[in-house]
Amino acid sequence: MKRALACVGVVCLGFLAGCGAEGPVGALEEGELYNSAGLDGSPLFDLQGLAPPAIALRPFVRVGLMWDAEPGTALEGRVLGQDDTWGPWEPIEAYWQEGVAHNGHLDAPDGLGLGFQLRLSNGEAPQHVVAEGIEVLGEPGAEELPQELAAPPAGDGQYGELEQALFPSTIVHPRSDWGARAPRCSLSSHSPVKVTVHHTATPLPDSMTVRQRLRQIQSYHMYTNGWCDIGYHVLVDWNGAAWQGRNETKVGAHVLDHNTGNVGVSYLGTYTTHSVSSTQVNKGAAILRWLHNRYGIPRSRTYIKGHRQYAATACPGDKLYAKLNTMVELSKQ
């Protein structure tokens, strides 16, 4: 899997095990943003359309990108090779697009890369950009790996069995409500015994609907990371509604080396400084209460943790992390 992070200026390239994606990369630590603003609020792209370089601590095979942009925006990227020389600028094609949401990736030309740089080649700067270095493609532990990782199939993507889990629709929207794709490969089963809370490190306020953001994250996890499905089991949106991710009886992809028995609950957005609403906290409590009643997961902070308790990451953000004790206590009512 992935974990490493290094910075040049205010921009970093990382290897993540969760938060954002098990997808999006951070600005200082895992789960932070490599996005359209620097740490001081300055634009990511300079007047010439160039972003600062991002250097990784360990080699990667692919740079994955999620970006939100209006029509006409075009991005290019280049990769720093093992010989410490930059490769050519290459266009970054979106293999998936819906409205302003785009997913794409750029593979290291010689198999391994050490750094990455982005530039704007046409149009207005994206509202939001997330980039990560991916060390290994595919999902460890999957019982069956897909043959093709490059792009989703044609059509609306709603193929096969959706593997709806056991959460009732009164608590969590089923996968069919957000147009989820079916898992693309088989996953190992597990018995849920603990919970980890994350945030997705996506914008707040968001530039798209909840359903669009969920489909973007799932597509990225499946066709850039090469995973079987979206990495989280449940996702809570900024309005406090919850949405089914992968089946909670299947091993997730949200905490490196700690996924077995671990239910991943991720909040859409970035909660480093953005406050969490009481509705969102109450929904989290309802999820924990149901998991306790169904699987016997103890309602204690020993078994219900934030991602940062497993890894060097800011995830799930200071504001959300500060609410975990409250969430646990409310789940007992």
C-alpha atoms as a PDB file:
ATOM      1  CA  MET A   1       0.000   0.000   0.000  1.00  0.00           C
ATOM      2  CA  LYS A   2       1.204   3.537   0.559  1.00  0.00           C
ATOM      3  CA  ARG A   3       2.626   5.904   3.047  1.00  0.00           C
ATOM      4  CA  ALA A   4       5.245   8.603   2.747  1.00  0.00           C
ATOM      5  CA  LEU A   5       5.196  12.351   2.558  1.00  0.00           C
ATOM      6  CA  ALA A   6       7.608  15.134   1.811  1.00  0.00           C
ATOM      7  CA  CYS A   7       7.205  18.821   1.056  1.00  0.00           C
ATOM      8  CA  VAL A   8       8.707  21.452  -1.195  1.00  0.00           C
ATOM      9  CA  GLY A   9       7.409  24.879  -0.247  1.00  0.00           C
ATOM     10  CA  VAL A  10       3.755  24.384   0.615  1.00  0.00           C
ATOM     11  CA  VAL A  11       3.057  21.448  -1.685  1.00  0.00           C
ATOM     12  CA  CYS A  12       3.596  17.782  -0.908  1.00  0.00           C
ATOM     13  CA  LEU A  13       3.164  14.455  -2.594  1.00  0.00           C
ATOM     14  CA  GLY A  14       2.187  11.599  -0.339  1.00  0.00           C
ATOM     15  CA  PHE A  15       1.359   7.958   0.004  1.00  0.00           C
ATOM     16  CA  LEU A  16      -1.856   7.475   1.915  1.00  0.00           C
ATOM     17  CA  ALA A  17      -3.652   4.662   3.630  1.00  0.00           C
ATOM     18  CA  GLY A  18      -6.923   6.464   4.076  1.00  0.00           C
ATOM     19  CA  CYS A  19      -8.579   9.831   4.328  1.00  0.00           C
ATOM     20  CA  GLY A  20      -9.078  11.367   1.166  1.00  0.00           C
ATOM     21  CA  ALA A  21      -9.289   9.168  -0.197  1.00  0.00           C
ATOM     22  CA  GLU A  22      -7.276   6.476   0.509  1.00  0.00           C
ATOM     23  CA  GLY A  23      -7.010   8.761  -2.312  1.00  0.00           C
ATOM     24  CA  PRO A  24      -6.365  12.426  -2.003  1.00  0.00           C
ATOM     25  CA  VAL A  25      -3.014  13.730  -0.850  1.00  0.00           C
ATOM     26  CA  GLY A  26      -2.129  16.277   1.672  1.00  0.00           C
ATOM     27  CA  ALA A  27      -0.487  19.593   2.152  1.00  0.00           C
ATOM     28  CA  LEU A  28       1.609  18.830   5.222  1.00  0.00           C
ATOM     29  CA  GLU A  29       0.473  15.472   6.543  1.00  0.00           C
ATOM     30  CA  GLU A  30      -1.566  12.579   5.262  1.00  0.00           C
ATOM     31  CA  GLY A  31      -5.145  13.562   4.578  1.00  0.00           C
ATOM     32  CA  GLU A  32      -4.398  17.242   4.013  1.00  0.00           C
ATOM     33  CA  LEU A  33      -4.918  18.845   0.624  1.00  0.00           C
ATOM     34  CA  TYR A  34      -2.650  19.360  -2.322  1.00  0.00           C
ATOM     35  CA  ASN A  35      -5.113  21.790  -3.816  1.00  0.00           C
ATOM     36  CA  SER A  36      -5.799  25.130  -5.429  1.00  0.00           C
ATOM     37  CA  ALA A  37      -4.566  27.211  -2.475  1.00  0.00           C
ATOM     38  CA  GLY A  38      -1.330  27.228  -0.516  1.00  0.00           C
ATOM     39  CA  LEU A  39      -1.172  27.151   3.257  1.00  0.00           C
ATOM     40  CA  ASP A  40      -1.486  30.952   3.376  1.00  0.00           C
ATOM     41  CA  GLY A  41      -4.420  31.003   0.939  1.00  0.00           C
ATOM     42  CA  SER A  42      -2.266  31.882  -2.051  1.00  0.00           C
ATOM     43  CA  PRO A  43      -3.100  30.268  -5.418  1.00  0.00           C
ATOM     44  CA  LEU A  44      -1.498  26.934  -6.222  1.00  0.00           C
ATOM     45  CA  PHE A  45      -0.774  28.023  -9.808  1.00  0.00           C
ATOM     46  CA  ASP A  46       1.437  31.060 -10.417  1.00  0.00           C
ATOM     47  CA  LEU A  47       0.882  33.640 -13.159  1.00  0.00           C
ATOM     48  CA  GLN A  48       2.564  31.331 -15.670  1.00  0.00           C
ATOM     49  CA  GLY A  49       0.214  28.485 -14.720  1.00  0.00           C
ATOM     50  CA  LEU A  50       2.905  26.515 -12.883  1.00  0.00           C
ATOM     51  CA  ALA A  51       2.437  24.751  -9.538  1.00  0.00           C
ATOM     52  CA  PRO A  52       5.344  24.038  -7.160  1.00  0.00           C
ATOM     53  CA  PRO A  53       6.923  20.588  -7.421  1.00  0.00           C
ATOM     54  CA  ALA A  54       5.998  17.844  -4.954  1.00  0.00           C
ATOM     55  CA  ILE A  55       8.689  15.385  -3.872  1.00  0.00           C
ATOM     56  CA  ALA A  56       7.989  11.934  -2.409  1.00  0.00           C
ATOM     57  CA  LEU A  57       9.937  10.029   0.238  1.00  0.00           C
ATOM     58  CA  ARG A  58       9.479   6.716  -1.586  1.00  0.00           C
ATOM     59  CA  PRO A  59       9.216   5.932  -5.295  1.00  0.00           C
ATOM     60  CA  PHE A  60       5.753   5.692  -6.831  1.00  0.00           C
ATOM     61  CA  VAL A  61       4.430   4.109 -10.005  1.00  0.00           C
ATOM     62  CA  ARG A  62       1.521   6.463 -10.660  1.00  0.00           C
ATOM     63  CA  VAL A  63       0.370   9.982  -9.839  1.00  0.00           C
ATOM     64  CA  GLY A  64      -3.383   9.995  -9.255  1.00  0.00           C
ATOM     65  CA  LEU A  65      -5.411  13.182  -9.648  1.00  0.00           C
ATOM     66  CA  MET A  66      -8.907  14.399  -8.837  1.00  0.00           C
ATOM     67  CA  TRP A  67      -9.794  17.899  -9.940  1.00  0.00           C
ATOM     68  CA  ASP A  68     -12.869  20.110 -10.177  1.00  0.00           C
ATOM     69  CA  ALA A  69     -12.833  22.431 -13.160  1.00  0.00           C
ATOM     70  CA  GLU A  70     -15.029  24.141 -15.732  1.00  0.00           C
ATOM     71  CA  PRO A  71     -14.989  23.117 -19.426  1.00  0.00           C
ATOM     72  CA  GLY A  72     -11.862  24.241 -21.247  1.00  0.00           C
ATOM     73  CA  THR A  73      -9.474  23.635 -18.368  1.00  0.00           C
ATOM     74  CA  ALA A  74      -6.498  21.495 -19.364  1.00  0.00           C
ATOM     75  CA  LEU A  75      -3.739  20.219 -17.093  1.00  0.00           C
ATOM     76  CA  GLU A  76      -0.292  18.816 -17.765  1.00  0.00           C
ATOM     77  CA  GLY A  77       2.076  16.981 -15.471  1.00  0.00           C
ATOM     78  CA  ARG A  78       5.641  15.795 -15.375  1.00  0.00           C
ATOM     79  CA  VAL A  79       7.403  13.220 -13.217  1.00  0.00           C
ATOM     80  CA  LEU A  80      10.833  13.368 -11.604  1.00  0.00           C
ATOM     81  CA  GLY A  81      12.702  10.174 -12.475  1.00  0.00           C
ATOM     82  CA  GLN A  82      15.114   8.123 -10.402  1.00  0.00           C
ATOM     83  CA  ASP A  83      17.997   9.855 -12.160  1.00  0.00           C
ATOM     84  CA  ASP A  84      16.805  13.164 -10.649  1.00  0.00           C
ATOM     85  CA  THR A  85      15.812  14.582 -14.028  1.00  0.00           C
ATOM     86  CA  TRP A  86      12.350  15.742 -14.979  1.00  0.00           C
ATOM     87  CA  GLY A  87      10.494  13.925 -17.713  1.00  0.00           C
ATOM     88  CA  PRO A  88       8.534  15.724 -20.444  1.00  0.00           C
ATOM     89  CA  TRP A  89       5.285  17.540 -19.785  1.00  0.00           C
ATOM     90  CA  GLU A  90       2.360  15.315 -20.671  1.00  0.00           C
ATOM     91  CA  PRO A  91      -1.357  16.082 -20.937  1.00  0.00           C
ATOM     92  CA  ILE A  92      -3.448  14.638 -18.124  1.00  0.00           C
ATOM     93  CA  GLU A  93      -6.515  13.103 -19.696  1.00  0.00           C
ATOM     94  CA  ALA A  94      -9.691  12.635 -17.667  1.00  0.00           C
ATOM     95  CA  TYR A  95     -10.761   8.991 -17.887  1.00  0.00           C
ATOM     96  CA  TRP A  96     -13.866   9.904 -15.841  1.00  0.00           C
ATOM     97  CA  GLN A  97     -15.834  13.157 -15.898  1.00  0.00           C
ATOM     98  CA  GLU A  98     -19.156  14.310 -14.542  1.00  0.00           C
ATOM     99  CA  GLY A  99     -19.951  18.012 -14.485  1.00  0.00           C
ATOM    100  CA  VAL A 100     -16.938  19.795 -12.989  1.00  0.00           C
ATOM    101  CA  ALA A 101     -15.557  16.553 -11.476  1.00  0.00           C
ATOM    102  CA  HIS A 102     -12.613  14.877 -13.214  1.00  0.00           C
ATOM    103  CA  ASN A 103     -10.372  11.889 -12.463  1.00  0.00           C
ATOM    104  CA  GLY A 104      -7.117  11.056 -14.166  1.00  0.00           C
ATOM    105  CA  HIS A 105      -3.614   9.798 -13.597  1.00  0.00           C
ATOM    106  CA  LEU A 106      -0.099   9.944 -14.978  1.00  0.00           C
ATOM    107  CA  ASP A 107       2.143   6.890 -14.820  1.00  0.00           C
ATOM    108  CA  ALA A 108       5.842   7.216 -14.092  1.00  0.00           C
ATOM    109  CA  PRO A 109       7.535   6.880 -17.509  1.00  0.00           C
ATOM    110  CA  ASP A 110      10.314   4.518 -16.352  1.00  0.00           C
ATOM    111  CA  GLY A 111       8.211   2.615 -13.863  1.00  0.00           C
ATOM    112  CA  LEU A 112       9.164   4.626 -10.769  1.00  0.00           C
ATOM    113  CA  GLY A 113       8.941   8.333 -10.004  1.00  0.00           C
ATOM    114  CA  LEU A 114      10.319  10.478  -7.187  1.00  0.00           C
ATOM    115  CA  GLY A 115       8.384  13.709  -7.690  1.00  0.00           C
ATOM    116  CA  PHE A 116       5.616  15.405  -9.599  1.00  0.00           C
ATOM    117  CA  GLN A 117       4.760  18.830 -10.929  1.00  0.00           C
ATOM    118  CA  LEU A 118       1.535  20.196 -12.360  1.00  0.00           C
ATOM    119  CA  ARG A 119       0.824  23.071 -14.714  1.00  0.00           C
ATOM    120  CA  LEU A 120      -2.222  24.686 -16.258  1.00  0.00           C
ATOM    121  CA  SER A 121      -2.069  24.519 -20.052  1.00  0.00           C
ATOM    122  CA  ASN A 122      -5.459  26.035 -20.893  1.00  0.00           C
ATOM    123  CA  GLY A 123      -8.479  27.690 -19.305  1.00  0.00           C
ATOM    124  CA  GLU A 124      -9.129  28.795 -15.746  1.00  0.00           C
ATOM    125  CA  ALA A 125      -7.393  27.218 -12.770  1.00  0.00           C
ATOM    126  CA  PRO A 126      -9.355  24.335 -11.222  1.00  0.00           C
ATOM    127  CA  GLN A 127     -11.386  25.083  -8.104  1.00  0.00           C
ATOM    128  CA  HIS A 128      -9.848  22.042  -6.431  1.00  0.00           C
ATOM    129  CA  VAL A 129      -6.970  19.681  -7.215  1.00  0.00           C
ATOM    130  CA  VAL A 130      -5.860  16.606  -5.272  1.00  0.00           C
ATOM    131  CA  ALA A 131      -2.780  14.615  -6.300  1.00  0.00           C
ATOM    132  CA  GLU A 132      -1.124  11.554  -4.782  1.00  0.00           C
ATOM    133  CA  GLY A 133       1.766   9.277  -5.504  1.00  0.00           C
ATOM    134  CA  ILE A 134       0.642   5.644  -5.683  1.00  0.00           C
ATOM    135  CA  GLU A 135       3.234   3.077  -4.719  1.00  0.00           C
ATOM    136  CA  VAL A 136       1.327  -0.102  -5.600  1.00  0.00           C
ATOM    137  CA  LEU A 137      -1.664  -0.572  -7.893  1.00  0.00           C
ATOM    138  CA  GLY A 138      -4.438  -2.919  -6.881  1.00  0.00           C
ATOM    139  CA  GLU A 139      -5.913  -3.841  -3.518  1.00  0.00           C
ATOM    140  CA  PRO A 140      -3.932  -6.158  -1.238  1.00  0.00           C
ATOM    141  CA  GLY A 141      -6.109  -8.862   0.217  1.00  0.00           C
ATOM    142  CA  ALA A 142      -8.564  -8.948  -2.675  1.00  0.00           C
ATOM    143  CA  GLU A 143      -9.550 -12.488  -3.533  1.00  0.00           C
ATOM    144  CA  GLU A 144      -9.628 -11.663  -7.223  1.00  0.00           C
ATOM    145  CA  LEU A 145      -7.840  -8.763  -8.905  1.00  0.00           C
ATOM    146  CA  PRO A 146      -9.136  -7.127 -12.096  1.00  0.00           C
ATOM    147  CA  GLN A 147      -7.207  -7.517 -15.316  1.00  0.00           C
ATOM    148  CA  GLU A 148      -7.618  -3.910 -16.429  1.00  0.00           C
ATOM    149  CA  LEU A 149      -6.983  -0.955 -14.143  1.00  0.00           C
ATOM    150  CA  ALA A 150      -6.931   1.857 -16.659  1.00  0.00           C
ATOM    151  CA  ALA A 151     -10.525   2.993 -17.162  1.00  0.00           C
ATOM    152  CA  PRO A 152     -14.127   2.207 -16.258  1.00  0.00           C
ATOM    153  CA  PRO A 153     -16.313   0.327 -18.705  1.00  0.00           C
ATOM    154  CA  ALA A 154     -18.657   2.113 -21.076  1.00  0.00           C
ATOM    155  CA  GLY A 155     -22.250   2.728 -19.993  1.00  0.00           C
ATOM    156  CA  ASP A 156     -23.732   4.079 -16.819  1.00  0.00           C
ATOM    157  CA  GLY A 157     -21.553   1.910 -14.603  1.00  0.00           C
ATOM    158  CA  GLN A 158     -24.393   0.324 -12.661  1.00  0.00           C
ATOM    159  CA  TYR A 159     -23.516  -3.268 -13.521  1.00  0.00           C
ATOM    160  CA  GLY A 160     -23.551  -6.499 -11.545  1.00  0.00           C
ATOM    161  CA  GLU A 161     -24.620  -6.868  -7.938  1.00  0.00           C
ATOM    162  CA  LEU A 162     -24.407  -3.728  -5.804  1.00  0.00           C
ATOM    163  CA  GLU A 163     -23.685  -5.767  -2.644  1.00  0.00           C
ATOM    164  CA  GLN A 164     -25.895  -3.611  -0.470  1.00  0.00           C
ATOM    165  CA  ALA A 165     -24.895  -4.118   3.151  1.00  0.00           C
ATOM    166  CA  LEU A 166     -27.135  -4.491   6.192  1.00  0.00           C
ATOM    167  CA  PHE A 167     -27.541  -0.851   7.244  1.00  0.00           C
ATOM    168  CA  PRO A 168     -31.246   0.098   7.148  1.00  0.00           C
ATOM    169  CA  SER A 169     -32.239   2.857   4.719  1.00  0.00           C
ATOM    170  CA  THR A 170     -33.562   4.875   7.677  1.00  0.00           C
ATOM    171  CA  ILE A 171     -29.939   5.389   8.756  1.00  0.00           C
ATOM    172  CA  VAL A 172     -27.860   5.018   5.577  1.00  0.00           C
ATOM    173  CA  HIS A 173     -28.847   5.593   1.944  1.00  0.00           C
ATOM    174  CA  PRO A 174     -28.355   2.409  -0.110  1.00  0.00           C
ATOM    175  CA  ARG A 175     -25.770   2.288  -2.881  1.00  0.00           C
ATOM    176  CA  SER A 176     -28.475   2.486  -5.535  1.00  0.00           C
ATOM    177  CA  ASP A 177     -29.406   5.971  -4.268  1.00  0.00           C
ATOM    178  CA  TRP A 178     -26.098   7.437  -5.421  1.00  0.00           C
ATOM    179  CA  GLY A 179     -25.574   5.380  -8.574  1.00  0.00           C
ATOM    180  CA  ALA A 180     -22.722   3.285  -7.234  1.00  0.00           C
ATOM    181  CA  ARG A 181     -20.895   0.886  -9.474  1.00  0.00           C
ATOM    182  CA  ALA A 182     -20.753  -2.740  -8.383  1.00  0.00           C
ATOM    183  CA  PRO A 183     -17.408  -3.910  -6.953  1.00  0.00           C
ATOM    184  CA  ARG A 184     -15.049  -4.899  -9.747  1.00  0.00           C
ATOM    185  CA  CYS A 185     -13.393  -7.776  -7.887  1.00  0.00           C
ATOM    186  CA  SER A 186     -14.008 -10.020  -4.907  1.00  0.00           C
ATOM    187  CA  LEU A 187     -13.053  -8.947  -1.395  1.00  0.00           C
ATOM    188  CA  SER A 188     -12.280 -10.919   1.730  1.00  0.00           C
ATOM    189  CA  SER A 189     -15.012 -11.026   4.348  1.00  0.00           C
ATOM    190  CA  HIS A 190     -14.468  -9.923   7.932  1.00  0.00           C
ATOM    191  CA  SER A 191     -16.408  -9.483  11.162  1.00  0.00           C
ATOM    192  CA  PRO A 192     -16.613  -5.804  12.196  1.00  0.00           C
ATOM    193  CA  VAL A 193     -15.012  -5.236  15.609  1.00  0.00           C
ATOM    194  CA  LYS A 194     -13.956  -1.565  15.507  1.00  0.00           C
ATOM    195  CA  VAL A 195     -14.524   1.740  13.689  1.00  0.00           C
ATOM    196  CA  THR A 196     -12.218   4.382  12.236  1.00  0.00           C
ATOM    197  CA  VAL A 197     -13.478   7.879  11.394  1.00  0.00           C
ATOM    198  CA  HIS A 198     -12.014   9.830   8.456  1.00  0.00           C
ATOM    199  CA  HIS A 199     -12.640  12.862   6.301  1.00  0.00           C
ATOM    200  CA  THR A 200     -12.325  12.798   2.516  1.00  0.00           C
ATOM    201  CA  ALA A 201     -10.234  16.009   2.277  1.00  0.00           C
ATOM    202  CA  THR A 202     -12.589  17.407  -0.379  1.00  0.00           C
ATOM    203  CA  PRO A 203     -13.795  21.044  -0.478  1.00  0.00           C
ATOM    204  CA  LEU A 204     -16.319  22.721   1.778  1.00  0.00           C
ATOM    205  CA  PRO A 205     -18.532  24.222   0.552  1.00  0.00           C
ATOM    206  CA  ASP A 206     -18.425  21.680  -2.232  1.00  0.00           C
ATOM    207  CA  SER A 207     -18.543  22.451  -5.946  1.00  0.00           C
ATOM    208  CA  MET A 208     -20.875  19.546  -6.780  1.00  0.00           C
ATOM    209  CA  THR A 209     -23.709  17.451  -5.407  1.00  0.00           C
ATOM    210  CA  VAL A 210     -23.189  14.729  -2.818  1.00  0.00           C
ATOM    211  CA  ARG A 211     -23.963  11.999  -5.344  1.00  0.00           C
ATOM    212  CA  GLN A 212     -21.451  13.379  -7.845  1.00  0.00           C
ATOM    213  CA  ARG A 213     -18.720  13.552  -5.204  1.00  0.00           C
ATOM    214  CA  LEU A 214     -19.424   9.979  -4.120  1.00  0.00           C
ATOM    215  CA  ARG A 215     -19.227   8.738  -7.707  1.00  0.00           C
ATOM    216  CA  GLN A 216     -15.982  10.644  -8.251  1.00  0.00           C
ATOM    217  CA  ILE A 217     -14.372   9.120  -5.161  1.00  0.00           C
ATOM    218  CA  GLN A 218     -15.527   5.613  -6.067  1.00  0.00           C
ATOM    219  CA  SER A 219     -14.286   5.920  -9.645  1.00  0.00           C
ATOM    220  CA  TYR A 220     -10.914   7.202  -8.419  1.00  0.00           C
ATOM    221  CA  HIS A 221     -10.519   4.403  -5.901  1.00  0.00           C
ATOM    222  CA  MET A 222     -11.407   1.761  -8.484  1.00  0.00           C
ATOM    223  CA  TYR A 223      -9.655   3.015 -11.629  1.00  0.00           C
ATOM    224  CA  THR A 224      -6.706   5.027 -10.359  1.00  0.00           C
ATOM    225  CA  ASN A 225      -5.827   3.036  -7.241  1.00  0.00           C
ATOM    226  CA  GLY A 226      -7.070  -0.188  -8.808  1.00  0.00           C
ATOM    227  CA  TRP A 227      -9.184  -1.122  -5.798  1.00  0.00           C
ATOM    228  CA  CYS A 228     -12.257  -3.317  -5.919  1.00  0.00           C
ATOM    229  CA  ASP A 229     -14.643  -0.619  -4.706  1.00  0.00           C
ATOM    230  CA  ILE A 230     -14.819   2.665  -2.833  1.00  0.00           C
ATOM    231  CA  GLY A 231     -12.520   2.308   0.166  1.00  0.00           C
ATOM    232  CA  TYR A 232     -14.945   3.362   2.929  1.00  0.00           C
ATOM    233  CA  HIS A 233     -17.963   1.507   4.297  1.00  0.00           C
ATOM    234  CA  VAL A 234     -20.100   4.563   5.120  1.00  0.00           C
ATOM    235  CA  LEU A 235     -19.808   8.210   4.076  1.00  0.00           C
ATOM    236  CA  VAL A 236     -21.538  11.099   5.865  1.00  0.00           C
ATOM    237  CA  ASP A 237     -22.209  14.230   3.825  1.00  0.00           C
ATOM    238  CA  TRP A 238     -22.106  17.891   4.865  1.00  0.00           C
ATOM    239  CA  ASN A 239     -25.880  17.863   5.448  1.00  0.00           C
ATOM    240  CA  GLY A 240     -25.651  14.942   7.881  1.00  0.00           C
ATOM    241  CA  ALA A 241     -27.043  12.231   5.577  1.00  0.00           C
ATOM    242  CA  ALA A 242     -25.168   8.911   5.413  1.00  0.00           C
ATOM    243  CA  TRP A 243     -24.435   6.825   2.302  1.00  0.00           C
ATOM    244  CA  GLN A 244     -23.442   3.192   1.956  1.00  0.00           C
ATOM    245  CA  GLY A 245     -19.947   2.584   0.608  1.00  0.00           C
ATOM    246  CA  ARG A 246     -18.634  -0.954   0.383  1.00  0.00           C
ATOM    247  CA  ASN A 247     -20.364  -3.706   2.329  1.00  0.00           C
ATOM    248  CA  GLU A 248     -19.332  -3.435   5.981  1.00  0.00           C
ATOM    249  CA  THR A 249     -18.858  -7.221   6.076  1.00  0.00           C
ATOM    250  CA  LYS A 250     -16.032  -6.854   3.511  1.00  0.00           C
ATOM    251  CA  VAL A 251     -12.518  -5.687   4.368  1.00  0.00           C
ATOM    252  CA  GLY A 252     -12.152  -1.984   3.587  1.00  0.00           C
ATOM    253  CA  ALA A 253      -9.286   0.142   2.240  1.00  0.00           C
ATOM    254  CA  HIS A 254      -9.004   3.045   4.658  1.00  0.00           C
ATOM    255  CA  VAL A 255      -6.288   2.360   7.302  1.00  0.00           C
ATOM    256  CA  LEU A 256      -3.022   0.795   6.173  1.00  0.00           C
ATOM    257  CA  ASP A 257      -2.370  -2.533   7.923  1.00  0.00           C
ATOM    258  CA  HIS A 258      -5.501  -2.111  10.093  1.00  0.00           C
ATOM    259  CA  ASN A 259      -8.378  -2.794   7.711  1.00  0.00           C
ATOM    260  CA  THR A 260      -9.465  -6.248   8.850  1.00  0.00           C
ATOM    261  CA  GLY A 261     -12.431  -5.944  11.224  1.00  0.00           C
ATOM    262  CA  ASN A 262     -12.335  -2.170  10.847  1.00  0.00           C
ATOM    263  CA  VAL A 263     -15.405  -0.243   9.601  1.00  0.00           C
ATOM    264  CA  GLY A 264     -14.426   2.963   7.809  1.00  0.00           C
ATOM    265  CA  VAL A 265     -16.775   5.930   8.321  1.00  0.00           C
ATOM    266  CA  SER A 266     -15.695   8.978   6.317  1.00  0.00           C
ATOM    267  CA  TYR A 267     -17.110  12.504   6.341  1.00  0.00           C
ATOM    268  CA  LEU A 268     -17.272  14.311   2.994  1.00  0.00           C
ATOM    269  CA  GLY A 269     -15.248  17.492   3.302  1.00  0.00           C
ATOM    270  CA  THR A 270     -12.204  18.791   5.143  1.00  0.00           C
ATOM    271  CA  TYR A 271     -12.547  19.372   8.880  1.00  0.00           C
ATOM    272  CA  THR A 272      -9.205  20.877   9.842  1.00  0.00           C
ATOM    273  CA  THR A 273     -10.868  24.257  10.466  1.00  0.00           C
ATOM    274  CA  HIS A 274     -14.412  23.691   9.195  1.00  0.00           C
ATOM    275  CA  SER A 275     -16.853  22.964  12.024  1.00  0.00           C
ATOM    276  CA  VAL A 276     -18.888  19.767  12.209  1.00  0.00           C
ATOM    277  CA  SER A 277     -22.641  20.285  12.571  1.00  0.00           C
ATOM    278  CA  SER A 278     -24.760  18.715  15.304  1.00  0.00           C
ATOM    279  CA  THR A 279     -26.663  16.877  12.558  1.00  0.00           C
ATOM    280  CA  GLN A 280     -23.421  15.289  11.356  1.00  0.00           C
ATOM    281  CA  VAL A 281     -22.453  14.336  14.906  1.00  0.00           C
ATOM    282  CA  ASN A 282     -25.896  12.814  15.544  1.00  0.00           C
ATOM    283  CA  LYS A 283     -25.653  10.796  12.339  1.00  0.00           C
ATOM    284  CA  GLY A 284     -22.275   9.464  13.408  1.00  0.00           C
ATOM    285  CA  ALA A 285     -23.785   8.466  16.750  1.00  0.00           C
ATOM    286  CA  ALA A 286     -26.639   6.664  14.988  1.00  0.00           C
ATOM    287  CA  ILE A 287     -24.136   4.732  12.857  1.00  0.00           C
ATOM    288  CA  LEU A 288     -22.131   3.716  15.939  1.00  0.00           C
ATOM    289  CA  ARG A 289     -25.306   2.705  17.775  1.00  0.00           C
ATOM    290  CA  TRP A 290     -26.408   0.472  14.917  1.00  0.00           C
ATOM    291  CA  LEU A 291     -22.943  -1.091  14.567  1.00  0.00           C
ATOM    292  CA  HIS A 292     -22.981  -1.840  18.291  1.00  0.00           C
ATOM    293  CA  ASN A 293     -26.430  -3.412  18.139  1.00  0.00           C
ATOM    294  CA  ARG A 294     -25.659  -5.444  15.017  1.00  0.00           C
ATOM    295  CA  TYR A 295     -22.025  -6.477  15.517  1.00  0.00           C
ATOM    296  CA  GLY A 296     -21.364  -5.792  19.185  1.00  0.00           C
ATOM    297  CA  ILE A 297     -18.703  -3.138  18.557  1.00  0.00           C
ATOM    298  CA  PRO A 298     -18.076  -1.572  21.983  1.00  0.00           C
ATOM    299  CA  ARG A 299     -19.024   2.092  22.262  1.00  0.00           C
ATOM    300  CA  SER A 300     -15.711   3.247  23.599  1.00  0.00           C
ATOM    301  CA  ARG A 301     -12.798   5.260  22.235  1.00  0.00           C
ATOM    302  CA  THR A 302     -10.675   2.127  22.486  1.00  0.00           C
ATOM    303  CA  TYR A 303     -12.666   0.689  19.589  1.00  0.00           C
ATOM    304  CA  ILE A 304     -13.777   3.905  17.871  1.00  0.00           C
ATOM    305  CA  LYS A 305     -10.808   5.961  16.701  1.00  0.00           C
ATOM    306  CA  GLY A 306      -9.810   8.717  14.335  1.00  0.00           C
ATOM    307  CA  HIS A 307      -7.448   7.862  11.491  1.00  0.00           C
ATOM    308  CA  ARG A 308      -4.672   9.905  13.127  1.00  0.00           C
ATOM    309  CA  GLN A 309      -4.528   7.335  15.946  1.00  0.00           C
ATOM    310  CA  TYR A 310      -3.172   4.799  13.449  1.00  0.00           C
ATOM    311  CA  ALA A 311      -0.951   6.977  11.260  1.00  0.00           C
ATOM    312  CA  ALA A 312       0.916  10.266  10.982  1.00  0.00           C
ATOM    313  CA  THR A 313      -2.024  12.162   9.538  1.00  0.00           C
ATOM    314  CA  ALA A 314      -4.224  15.150  10.316  1.00  0.00           C
ATOM    315  CA  CYS A 315      -7.269  13.052   9.347  1.00  0.00           C
ATOM    316  CA  PRO A 316     -10.122  13.344  10.264  1.00  0.00           C
ATOM    317  CA  GLY A 317      -9.299  17.001  10.909  1.00  0.00           C
ATOM    318  CA  ASP A 318      -9.104  18.722  14.300  1.00  0.00           C
ATOM    319  CA  LYS A 319     -12.754  19.782  14.336  1.00  0.00           C
ATOM    320  CA  LEU A 320     -14.134  16.315  13.576  1.00  0.00           C
ATOM    321  CA  TYR A 321     -11.629  14.535  15.793  1.00  0.00           C
ATOM    322  CA  ALA A 322     -12.687  16.738  18.716  1.00  0.00           C
ATOM    323  CA  LYS A 323     -16.266  15.480  18.318  1.00  0.00           C
ATOM    324  CA  LEU A 324     -15.500  11.754  18.554  1.00  0.00           C
ATOM    325  CA  ASN A 325     -15.995  11.567  22.315  1.00  0.00           C
ATOM    326  CA  THR A 326     -19.350  13.312  21.986  1.00  0.00           C
ATOM    327  CA  MET A 327     -20.331  10.994  19.143  1.00  0.00           C
ATOM    328  CA  VAL A 328     -19.516   7.926  21.215  1.00  0.00           C
ATOM    329  CA  GLU A 329     -21.469   9.160  24.251  1.00  0.00           C
ATOM    330  CA  LEU A 330     -24.501  10.062  22.114  1.00  0.00           C
ATOM    331  CA  SER A 331     -24.447   6.559  20.607  1.00  0.00           C
ATOM    332  CA  LYS A 332     -25.210   5.154  24.066  1.00  0.00           C
ATOM    333  CA  GLN A 333     -28.504   7.052  24.332  1.00  0.00           C
END
